[in-house]
Amino acid sequence: MHTTTAITMRAPKQRIFETAADLSGWPRILPHYRYIHYYERGPERNVVKMACVRSGIPVAWTSEQIIDRERLEVRFTHLKAFTKGMHVVWKFTDLPDDQVHVEIVHDLNFRVPALAPLANLIIGQFFIDHVANKTLRCMKAHLEANPV
């Protein structure tokens, strides 16, 4: 399964990156996120349980987060359950007119190949695409409405 979700934001790239990297602030600015629970916390690496809601359906997963300030990427690896092994990368690319292209890429080699088409439909299209789009739209609205 491979999905790419993207949006253009009008905010400084470093500010967008730091907002994406700061999971503790997500439930405050992203209304579909219920909570972020830290199992391990550090400046470049965290292990977290993330929980959101998709159209009234509660969803939760455990991830390792890597904050790569040199490459300006935020990376996640899902550690448990149906999405175990999923790799997620947030990328930030400068555009003209003080805009930034923000992209979230999800990749998962589903562990049961015969069920991969169903996993792509349910996990990829129904959950990931919806949540990632809402995350980007809400983050954009927050950053553009609250310039520093």
N, C-alpha and C. Protein backbone atom coordinates (compact mmCIF):
# COMPACT_ATOMS: atom_id res chain seq x y z
N MET A 1 0.84 -1.17 0.00
CA MET A 1 0.00 0.00 0.00
C MET A 1 0.89 1.24 0.00
N HIS A 2 0.56 2.17 -0.82
CA HIS A 2 1.31 3.42 -0.91
C HIS A 2 0.29 4.54 -1.08
N THR A 3 0.31 5.51 -0.17
CA THR A 3 -0.55 6.68 -0.32
C THR A 3 0.28 7.93 -0.15
N THR A 4 -0.10 8.95 -0.86
CA THR A 4 0.53 10.26 -0.73
C THR A 4 -0.57 11.29 -0.57
N THR A 5 -0.45 12.10 0.46
CA THR A 5 -1.41 13.16 0.75
C THR A 5 -0.61 14.45 0.83
N ALA A 6 -1.09 15.51 0.18
CA ALA A 6 -0.31 16.75 0.15
C ALA A 6 -1.22 17.97 0.18
N ILE A 7 -0.62 19.08 0.59
CA ILE A 7 -1.30 20.36 0.64
C ILE A 7 -0.24 21.45 0.53
N THR A 8 -0.65 22.64 0.13
CA THR A 8 0.24 23.79 0.11
C THR A 8 -0.14 24.70 1.26
N MET A 9 0.88 25.10 2.04
CA MET A 9 0.65 25.99 3.18
C MET A 9 1.43 27.28 2.98
N ARG A 10 0.86 28.36 3.49
CA ARG A 10 1.53 29.66 3.45
C ARG A 10 1.97 29.98 4.89
N ALA A 11 3.15 29.47 5.24
CA ALA A 11 3.76 29.68 6.55
C ALA A 11 5.24 29.32 6.40
N PRO A 12 6.09 29.80 7.30
CA PRO A 12 7.51 29.44 7.21
C PRO A 12 7.71 27.92 7.33
N LYS A 13 8.57 27.39 6.47
CA LYS A 13 8.80 25.94 6.44
C LYS A 13 9.22 25.41 7.80
N GLN A 14 10.11 26.10 8.49
CA GLN A 14 10.58 25.63 9.80
C GLN A 14 9.42 25.57 10.80
N ARG A 15 8.52 26.53 10.74
CA ARG A 15 7.37 26.54 11.66
C ARG A 15 6.43 25.36 11.36
N ILE A 16 6.21 25.08 10.08
CA ILE A 16 5.37 23.94 9.70
C ILE A 16 6.02 22.65 10.20
N PHE A 17 7.32 22.51 9.96
CA PHE A 17 8.05 21.32 10.40
C PHE A 17 7.94 21.13 11.91
N GLU A 18 8.18 22.18 12.67
CA GLU A 18 8.14 22.07 14.13
C GLU A 18 6.73 21.75 14.62
N THR A 19 5.71 22.28 13.97
CA THR A 19 4.33 21.97 14.34
C THR A 19 4.02 20.51 14.07
N ALA A 20 4.47 20.01 12.94
CA ALA A 20 4.27 18.59 12.62
C ALA A 20 5.04 17.69 13.57
N ALA A 21 6.22 18.11 13.97
CA ALA A 21 7.06 17.29 14.86
C ALA A 21 6.56 17.29 16.30
N ASP A 22 5.87 18.34 16.72
CA ASP A 22 5.42 18.47 18.11
C ASP A 22 4.09 17.77 18.32
N LEU A 23 4.14 16.47 18.52
CA LEU A 23 2.92 15.68 18.67
C LEU A 23 2.09 16.10 19.87
N SER A 24 2.72 16.61 20.91
CA SER A 24 1.97 17.00 22.11
C SER A 24 0.94 18.09 21.80
N GLY A 25 1.17 18.89 20.77
CA GLY A 25 0.24 19.94 20.40
C GLY A 25 -0.86 19.51 19.44
N TRP A 26 -0.74 18.32 18.88
CA TRP A 26 -1.71 17.89 17.88
C TRP A 26 -3.16 17.88 18.39
N PRO A 27 -3.46 17.31 19.57
CA PRO A 27 -4.86 17.29 20.00
C PRO A 27 -5.46 18.69 20.19
N ARG A 28 -4.62 19.68 20.43
CA ARG A 28 -5.09 21.06 20.60
C ARG A 28 -5.44 21.71 19.27
N ILE A 29 -4.70 21.40 18.21
CA ILE A 29 -4.93 22.08 16.92
C ILE A 29 -5.61 21.19 15.88
N LEU A 30 -5.68 19.89 16.15
CA LEU A 30 -6.31 18.95 15.21
C LEU A 30 -7.51 18.32 15.91
N PRO A 31 -8.72 18.78 15.62
CA PRO A 31 -9.89 18.36 16.39
C PRO A 31 -10.20 16.87 16.30
N HIS A 32 -9.71 16.17 15.31
CA HIS A 32 -9.98 14.73 15.18
C HIS A 32 -9.01 13.89 16.01
N TYR A 33 -7.96 14.50 16.56
CA TYR A 33 -7.03 13.75 17.42
C TYR A 33 -7.53 13.77 18.85
N ARG A 34 -7.68 12.58 19.44
CA ARG A 34 -8.18 12.46 20.80
C ARG A 34 -7.06 12.63 21.81
N TYR A 35 -5.93 11.99 21.57
CA TYR A 35 -4.79 12.12 22.49
C TYR A 35 -3.52 11.59 21.85
N ILE A 36 -2.40 12.00 22.44
CA ILE A 36 -1.08 11.44 22.14
C ILE A 36 -0.51 11.04 23.49
N HIS A 37 -0.18 9.77 23.66
CA HIS A 37 0.42 9.28 24.90
C HIS A 37 1.87 8.90 24.61
N TYR A 38 2.78 9.48 25.37
CA TYR A 38 4.21 9.21 25.19
C TYR A 38 4.63 8.02 26.05
N TYR A 39 5.24 7.00 25.42
CA TYR A 39 5.88 5.90 26.14
C TYR A 39 7.36 6.23 26.35
N GLU A 40 7.96 6.86 25.35
CA GLU A 40 9.34 7.34 25.43
C GLU A 40 9.34 8.73 24.80
N ARG A 41 10.14 9.64 25.37
CA ARG A 41 10.15 11.01 24.85
C ARG A 41 11.58 11.54 24.80
N GLY A 42 11.96 12.11 23.66
CA GLY A 42 13.28 12.69 23.51
C GLY A 42 13.26 13.77 22.45
N PRO A 43 14.38 14.45 22.25
CA PRO A 43 14.41 15.55 21.28
C PRO A 43 14.32 15.09 19.82
N GLU A 44 14.80 13.87 19.51
CA GLU A 44 14.77 13.38 18.14
C GLU A 44 13.98 12.10 17.96
N ARG A 45 13.61 11.44 19.07
CA ARG A 45 12.92 10.14 18.96
C ARG A 45 11.87 10.03 20.06
N ASN A 46 10.68 9.59 19.65
CA ASN A 46 9.59 9.36 20.59
C ASN A 46 8.91 8.04 20.24
N VAL A 47 8.36 7.39 21.25
CA VAL A 47 7.46 6.26 21.02
C VAL A 47 6.13 6.69 21.62
N VAL A 48 5.09 6.66 20.79
CA VAL A 48 3.81 7.23 21.18
C VAL A 48 2.65 6.33 20.80
N LYS A 49 1.57 6.48 21.54
CA LYS A 49 0.29 5.95 21.12
C LYS A 49 -0.51 7.15 20.65
N MET A 50 -0.96 7.10 19.42
CA MET A 50 -1.72 8.20 18.82
C MET A 50 -3.15 7.72 18.66
N ALA A 51 -4.10 8.62 18.94
CA ALA A 51 -5.51 8.23 18.81
C ALA A 51 -6.29 9.37 18.18
N CYS A 52 -7.10 9.01 17.20
CA CYS A 52 -7.95 9.98 16.55
C CYS A 52 -9.31 9.34 16.30
N VAL A 53 -10.16 10.09 15.65
CA VAL A 53 -11.47 9.57 15.28
C VAL A 53 -11.68 9.83 13.80
N ARG A 54 -12.24 8.84 13.13
CA ARG A 54 -12.55 8.95 11.70
C ARG A 54 -14.05 8.75 11.56
N SER A 55 -14.79 9.84 11.33
CA SER A 55 -16.24 9.77 11.17
C SER A 55 -16.91 8.99 12.30
N GLY A 56 -16.50 9.30 13.53
CA GLY A 56 -17.08 8.66 14.70
C GLY A 56 -16.45 7.34 15.09
N ILE A 57 -15.52 6.83 14.29
CA ILE A 57 -14.85 5.55 14.57
C ILE A 57 -13.52 5.86 15.25
N PRO A 58 -13.34 5.41 16.52
CA PRO A 58 -12.06 5.65 17.18
C PRO A 58 -10.97 4.77 16.59
N VAL A 59 -9.80 5.36 16.38
CA VAL A 59 -8.65 4.67 15.81
C VAL A 59 -7.44 5.00 16.68
N ALA A 60 -6.60 4.00 16.95
CA ALA A 60 -5.37 4.24 17.72
C ALA A 60 -4.26 3.35 17.18
N TRP A 61 -3.02 3.81 17.31
CA TRP A 61 -1.86 3.05 16.86
C TRP A 61 -0.65 3.50 17.66
N THR A 62 0.35 2.64 17.68
CA THR A 62 1.60 2.93 18.38
C THR A 62 2.69 3.12 17.34
N SER A 63 3.46 4.21 17.49
CA SER A 63 4.49 4.54 16.50
C SER A 63 5.77 4.99 17.16
N GLU A 64 6.85 4.74 16.45
CA GLU A 64 8.13 5.40 16.76
C GLU A 64 8.19 6.62 15.85
N GLN A 65 8.50 7.76 16.44
CA GLN A 65 8.64 9.00 15.67
C GLN A 65 10.11 9.39 15.67
N ILE A 66 10.63 9.72 14.51
CA ILE A 66 11.99 10.25 14.36
C ILE A 66 11.87 11.67 13.80
N ILE A 67 12.45 12.62 14.51
CA ILE A 67 12.46 14.01 14.07
C ILE A 67 13.84 14.28 13.49
N ASP A 68 13.91 14.38 12.17
CA ASP A 68 15.19 14.55 11.48
C ASP A 68 15.33 16.00 11.05
N ARG A 69 16.00 16.78 11.89
CA ARG A 69 16.15 18.21 11.63
C ARG A 69 17.14 18.49 10.50
N GLU A 70 18.08 17.60 10.24
CA GLU A 70 19.02 17.80 9.14
C GLU A 70 18.31 17.67 7.79
N ARG A 71 17.48 16.65 7.64
CA ARG A 71 16.75 16.42 6.38
C ARG A 71 15.41 17.12 6.36
N LEU A 72 15.03 17.72 7.49
CA LEU A 72 13.73 18.36 7.66
C LEU A 72 12.61 17.38 7.28
N GLU A 73 12.60 16.24 7.98
CA GLU A 73 11.58 15.23 7.81
C GLU A 73 11.10 14.76 9.18
N VAL A 74 9.85 14.38 9.24
CA VAL A 74 9.30 13.72 10.41
C VAL A 74 8.89 12.33 9.93
N ARG A 75 9.47 11.29 10.56
CA ARG A 75 9.22 9.92 10.12
C ARG A 75 8.58 9.12 11.26
N PHE A 76 7.70 8.23 10.87
CA PHE A 76 7.05 7.33 11.82
C PHE A 76 7.18 5.90 11.31
N THR A 77 7.29 4.97 12.25
CA THR A 77 7.16 3.55 11.95
C THR A 77 6.12 3.00 12.91
N HIS A 78 5.06 2.42 12.35
CA HIS A 78 4.02 1.82 13.19
C HIS A 78 4.54 0.52 13.79
N LEU A 79 4.32 0.33 15.08
CA LEU A 79 4.94 -0.76 15.81
C LEU A 79 4.02 -1.93 16.15
N LYS A 80 2.70 -1.74 16.05
CA LYS A 80 1.77 -2.78 16.49
C LYS A 80 0.55 -2.86 15.59
N ALA A 81 -0.19 -3.93 15.76
CA ALA A 81 -1.53 -4.15 15.19
C ALA A 81 -1.51 -4.23 13.67
N PHE A 82 -2.64 -3.86 13.05
CA PHE A 82 -2.83 -4.05 11.61
C PHE A 82 -1.83 -3.27 10.76
N THR A 83 -1.39 -2.13 11.25
CA THR A 83 -0.47 -1.30 10.46
C THR A 83 0.99 -1.48 10.88
N LYS A 84 1.29 -2.54 11.63
CA LYS A 84 2.67 -2.78 12.05
C LYS A 84 3.58 -2.82 10.82
N GLY A 85 4.67 -2.06 10.90
CA GLY A 85 5.61 -1.99 9.79
C GLY A 85 5.36 -0.85 8.82
N MET A 86 4.26 -0.13 8.99
CA MET A 86 4.00 1.00 8.10
C MET A 86 5.04 2.09 8.33
N HIS A 87 5.53 2.66 7.23
CA HIS A 87 6.46 3.78 7.29
C HIS A 87 5.74 5.03 6.79
N VAL A 88 5.89 6.10 7.55
CA VAL A 88 5.24 7.37 7.23
C VAL A 88 6.31 8.45 7.21
N VAL A 89 6.32 9.28 6.19
CA VAL A 89 7.29 10.37 6.10
C VAL A 89 6.55 11.67 5.78
N TRP A 90 6.81 12.68 6.60
CA TRP A 90 6.35 14.05 6.32
C TRP A 90 7.50 14.77 5.64
N LYS A 91 7.23 15.39 4.47
CA LYS A 91 8.24 16.12 3.71
C LYS A 91 7.76 17.55 3.48
N PHE A 92 8.71 18.47 3.42
CA PHE A 92 8.41 19.90 3.32
C PHE A 92 9.28 20.50 2.22
N THR A 93 8.65 21.07 1.19
CA THR A 93 9.38 21.60 0.04
C THR A 93 8.96 23.05 -0.21
N ASP A 94 9.96 23.93 -0.29
CA ASP A 94 9.68 25.34 -0.58
C ASP A 94 9.09 25.49 -1.97
N LEU A 95 8.13 26.41 -2.06
CA LEU A 95 7.52 26.79 -3.33
C LEU A 95 7.64 28.31 -3.47
N PRO A 96 7.37 28.84 -4.67
CA PRO A 96 7.38 30.29 -4.83
C PRO A 96 6.31 30.96 -3.95
N ASP A 97 6.46 32.26 -3.78
CA ASP A 97 5.48 33.08 -3.06
C ASP A 97 5.31 32.66 -1.60
N ASP A 98 6.41 32.28 -0.94
CA ASP A 98 6.40 31.94 0.49
C ASP A 98 5.42 30.82 0.82
N GLN A 99 5.31 29.86 -0.07
CA GLN A 99 4.46 28.70 0.19
C GLN A 99 5.33 27.47 0.37
N VAL A 100 4.75 26.46 1.03
CA VAL A 100 5.46 25.21 1.28
C VAL A 100 4.54 24.05 0.90
N HIS A 101 5.08 23.13 0.12
CA HIS A 101 4.37 21.89 -0.23
C HIS A 101 4.63 20.90 0.91
N VAL A 102 3.57 20.47 1.58
CA VAL A 102 3.67 19.52 2.68
C VAL A 102 3.06 18.21 2.23
N GLU A 103 3.85 17.15 2.34
CA GLU A 103 3.45 15.85 1.83
C GLU A 103 3.61 14.79 2.92
N ILE A 104 2.60 13.94 3.04
CA ILE A 104 2.68 12.79 3.95
C ILE A 104 2.60 11.54 3.09
N VAL A 105 3.64 10.70 3.18
CA VAL A 105 3.70 9.47 2.40
C VAL A 105 3.58 8.29 3.37
N HIS A 106 2.64 7.39 3.09
CA HIS A 106 2.45 6.16 3.87
C HIS A 106 2.80 4.96 2.99
N ASP A 107 3.64 4.06 3.51
CA ASP A 107 3.98 2.83 2.81
C ASP A 107 3.84 1.65 3.76
N LEU A 108 3.14 0.61 3.28
CA LEU A 108 2.94 -0.59 4.09
C LEU A 108 2.94 -1.81 3.18
N ASN A 109 3.80 -2.76 3.49
CA ASN A 109 3.74 -4.08 2.86
C ASN A 109 2.94 -4.95 3.81
N PHE A 110 1.66 -5.16 3.47
CA PHE A 110 0.78 -5.88 4.38
C PHE A 110 1.30 -7.30 4.58
N ARG A 111 1.25 -7.77 5.82
CA ARG A 111 1.86 -9.05 6.20
C ARG A 111 1.17 -10.27 5.57
N VAL A 112 -0.09 -10.13 5.20
CA VAL A 112 -0.83 -11.24 4.57
C VAL A 112 -1.14 -10.80 3.13
N PRO A 113 -0.29 -11.19 2.18
CA PRO A 113 -0.44 -10.69 0.80
C PRO A 113 -1.84 -10.89 0.21
N ALA A 114 -2.50 -11.98 0.53
CA ALA A 114 -3.83 -12.23 -0.04
C ALA A 114 -4.85 -11.19 0.42
N LEU A 115 -4.61 -10.59 1.59
CA LEU A 115 -5.53 -9.59 2.12
C LEU A 115 -5.12 -8.16 1.77
N ALA A 116 -4.02 -8.00 1.04
CA ALA A 116 -3.50 -6.67 0.72
C ALA A 116 -4.52 -5.78 0.00
N PRO A 117 -5.27 -6.28 -0.99
CA PRO A 117 -6.26 -5.40 -1.65
C PRO A 117 -7.33 -4.88 -0.67
N LEU A 118 -7.76 -5.74 0.23
CA LEU A 118 -8.75 -5.32 1.23
C LEU A 118 -8.13 -4.33 2.21
N ALA A 119 -6.89 -4.59 2.61
CA ALA A 119 -6.19 -3.67 3.52
C ALA A 119 -6.01 -2.31 2.86
N ASN A 120 -5.68 -2.31 1.57
CA ASN A 120 -5.51 -1.05 0.85
C ASN A 120 -6.82 -0.25 0.84
N LEU A 121 -7.91 -0.93 0.62
CA LEU A 121 -9.22 -0.28 0.57
C LEU A 121 -9.61 0.27 1.96
N ILE A 122 -9.51 -0.57 2.99
CA ILE A 122 -9.97 -0.18 4.32
C ILE A 122 -8.95 0.70 5.03
N ILE A 123 -7.71 0.22 5.15
CA ILE A 123 -6.70 0.98 5.87
C ILE A 123 -6.26 2.20 5.07
N GLY A 124 -5.93 1.98 3.80
CA GLY A 124 -5.40 3.07 2.98
C GLY A 124 -6.42 4.12 2.62
N GLN A 125 -7.48 3.71 1.95
CA GLN A 125 -8.43 4.68 1.43
C GLN A 125 -9.40 5.19 2.50
N PHE A 126 -9.96 4.29 3.30
CA PHE A 126 -10.98 4.72 4.26
C PHE A 126 -10.38 5.45 5.45
N PHE A 127 -9.30 4.91 6.02
CA PHE A 127 -8.74 5.54 7.22
C PHE A 127 -7.61 6.52 6.91
N ILE A 128 -6.53 6.05 6.31
CA ILE A 128 -5.33 6.88 6.15
C ILE A 128 -5.60 8.12 5.30
N ASP A 129 -6.18 7.94 4.12
CA ASP A 129 -6.43 9.09 3.24
C ASP A 129 -7.29 10.13 3.95
N HIS A 130 -8.34 9.69 4.60
CA HIS A 130 -9.25 10.62 5.28
C HIS A 130 -8.54 11.36 6.41
N VAL A 131 -7.88 10.60 7.31
CA VAL A 131 -7.22 11.22 8.47
C VAL A 131 -6.08 12.13 8.03
N ALA A 132 -5.26 11.69 7.08
CA ALA A 132 -4.13 12.52 6.63
C ALA A 132 -4.63 13.81 5.97
N ASN A 133 -5.67 13.72 5.17
CA ASN A 133 -6.22 14.94 4.55
C ASN A 133 -6.75 15.89 5.60
N LYS A 134 -7.47 15.38 6.58
CA LYS A 134 -8.01 16.24 7.63
C LYS A 134 -6.88 16.84 8.46
N THR A 135 -5.85 16.05 8.74
CA THR A 135 -4.70 16.54 9.49
C THR A 135 -4.05 17.71 8.77
N LEU A 136 -3.79 17.56 7.48
CA LEU A 136 -3.16 18.63 6.72
C LEU A 136 -4.05 19.87 6.62
N ARG A 137 -5.34 19.67 6.38
CA ARG A 137 -6.25 20.82 6.27
C ARG A 137 -6.32 21.59 7.60
N CYS A 138 -6.42 20.86 8.71
CA CYS A 138 -6.52 21.52 10.02
C CYS A 138 -5.20 22.20 10.40
N MET A 139 -4.08 21.55 10.09
CA MET A 139 -2.78 22.16 10.39
C MET A 139 -2.59 23.43 9.56
N LYS A 140 -2.96 23.38 8.30
CA LYS A 140 -2.87 24.55 7.43
C LYS A 140 -3.73 25.69 8.00
N ALA A 141 -4.97 25.40 8.37
CA ALA A 141 -5.86 26.41 8.91
C ALA A 141 -5.28 27.02 10.17
N HIS A 142 -4.73 26.20 11.05
CA HIS A 142 -4.14 26.69 12.28
C HIS A 142 -2.94 27.60 12.01
N LEU A 143 -2.02 27.14 11.18
CA LEU A 143 -0.80 27.90 10.91
C LEU A 143 -1.08 29.21 10.18
N GLU A 144 -1.99 29.17 9.22
CA GLU A 144 -2.27 30.37 8.44
C GLU A 144 -3.11 31.37 9.22
N ALA A 145 -3.92 30.90 10.16
CA ALA A 145 -4.76 31.80 10.97
C ALA A 145 -4.00 32.39 12.16
N ASN A 146 -2.88 31.77 12.51
CA ASN A 146 -2.10 32.19 13.68
C ASN A 146 -0.65 32.46 13.31
N PRO A 147 -0.38 33.44 12.45
CA PRO A 147 1.02 33.72 12.09
C PRO A 147 1.79 34.23 13.31
N VAL A 148 3.05 33.87 13.34
CA VAL A 148 3.89 34.32 14.49
C VAL A 148 4.51 35.65 14.18
